[in-house]
Amino acid sequence: MTERRLIRNAAQCRECGDLIVSKHRHDFVKCKCGAIAVDGGLAYIRRVGNHDDIIDMCEFGTVNKDMCDND
């Protein structure tokens, strides 16, 4: 069985071009101009700012899960 998981929580700002990455839970990161922010690390995806200013750069991967895995 495979499961899709977030492996990089990132976004790019259309205003300033800054690429920002949230690396851990509650890691709230703003771009240099302050137009957008990302949060959540690999635990959740949160975006702040005008959605037209955000280029989503998240990456996902697949993980093989054993049937007995309790994760």
Protein backbone atom coordinates (compact mmCIF):
# COMPACT_ATOMS: atom_id res chain seq x y z
CA MET A 1 0.00 0.00 0.00
CA THR A 2 1.34 3.47 -0.79
CA GLU A 3 0.49 6.80 0.77
CA ARG A 4 0.98 10.27 -0.67
CA ARG A 5 2.88 12.56 1.71
CA LEU A 6 4.06 16.15 1.74
CA ILE A 7 7.85 16.31 1.40
CA ARG A 8 8.30 20.09 0.91
CA ASN A 9 5.97 22.92 1.98
CA ALA A 10 6.95 25.88 -0.18
CA ALA A 11 5.58 28.81 -2.15
CA GLN A 12 6.94 31.59 -4.35
CA CYS A 13 5.76 35.19 -4.19
CA ARG A 14 4.66 36.74 -7.50
CA GLU A 15 5.39 40.22 -6.06
CA CYS A 16 9.04 39.85 -5.00
CA GLY A 17 9.98 36.42 -6.42
CA ASP A 18 11.05 35.12 -3.00
CA LEU A 19 10.84 31.32 -2.55
CA ILE A 20 9.87 30.49 1.03
CA VAL A 21 9.82 27.10 2.77
CA SER A 22 8.20 26.08 6.06
CA LYS A 23 10.41 23.37 7.55
CA HIS A 24 8.56 22.31 10.69
CA ARG A 25 5.15 22.56 12.37
CA HIS A 26 4.32 26.18 13.26
CA ASP A 27 7.29 27.49 11.21
CA PHE A 28 5.55 30.64 9.89
CA VAL A 29 7.70 32.14 7.12
CA LYS A 30 7.01 35.39 5.23
CA CYS A 31 8.50 36.45 1.91
CA LYS A 32 10.83 39.48 1.94
CA CYS A 33 8.08 41.90 0.81
CA GLY A 34 5.51 40.48 3.27
CA ALA A 35 2.85 39.74 0.64
CA ILE A 36 2.62 36.01 1.40
CA ALA A 37 3.52 33.49 4.08
CA VAL A 38 3.65 29.70 4.51
CA ASP A 39 3.20 27.63 7.64
CA GLY A 40 2.94 24.01 8.75
CA GLY A 41 6.16 22.29 7.77
CA LEU A 42 5.34 18.74 6.74
CA ALA A 43 2.38 18.52 9.15
CA TYR A 44 -0.07 20.77 7.29
CA ILE A 45 -0.22 23.37 4.48
CA ARG A 46 -1.23 26.92 5.34
CA ARG A 47 -1.00 29.93 3.03
CA VAL A 48 -1.45 33.58 4.03
CA GLY A 49 -1.91 36.46 1.62
CA ASN A 50 -3.64 37.14 -1.67
CA HIS A 51 -3.96 33.82 -3.51
CA ASP A 52 -3.14 35.58 -6.80
CA ASP A 53 0.32 36.39 -5.36
CA ILE A 54 1.10 32.76 -4.45
CA ILE A 55 2.80 30.20 -6.68
CA ASP A 56 2.44 26.86 -4.90
CA MET A 57 5.76 25.00 -4.87
CA CYS A 58 4.77 22.09 -2.60
CA GLU A 59 6.24 18.69 -3.41
CA PHE A 60 4.66 15.34 -2.64
CA GLY A 61 6.09 11.84 -2.61
CA THR A 62 4.79 8.36 -2.04
CA VAL A 63 5.68 6.14 0.89
CA ASN A 64 5.16 2.40 1.05
CA LYS A 65 3.06 1.62 4.11
CA ASP A 66 3.02 -1.81 5.71
CA MET A 67 -0.46 -3.10 6.55
CA CYS A 68 0.63 -3.41 10.21
CA ASP A 69 1.99 0.15 10.44
CA ASN A 70 0.13 2.15 13.09
CA ASP A 71 1.40 5.56 11.88
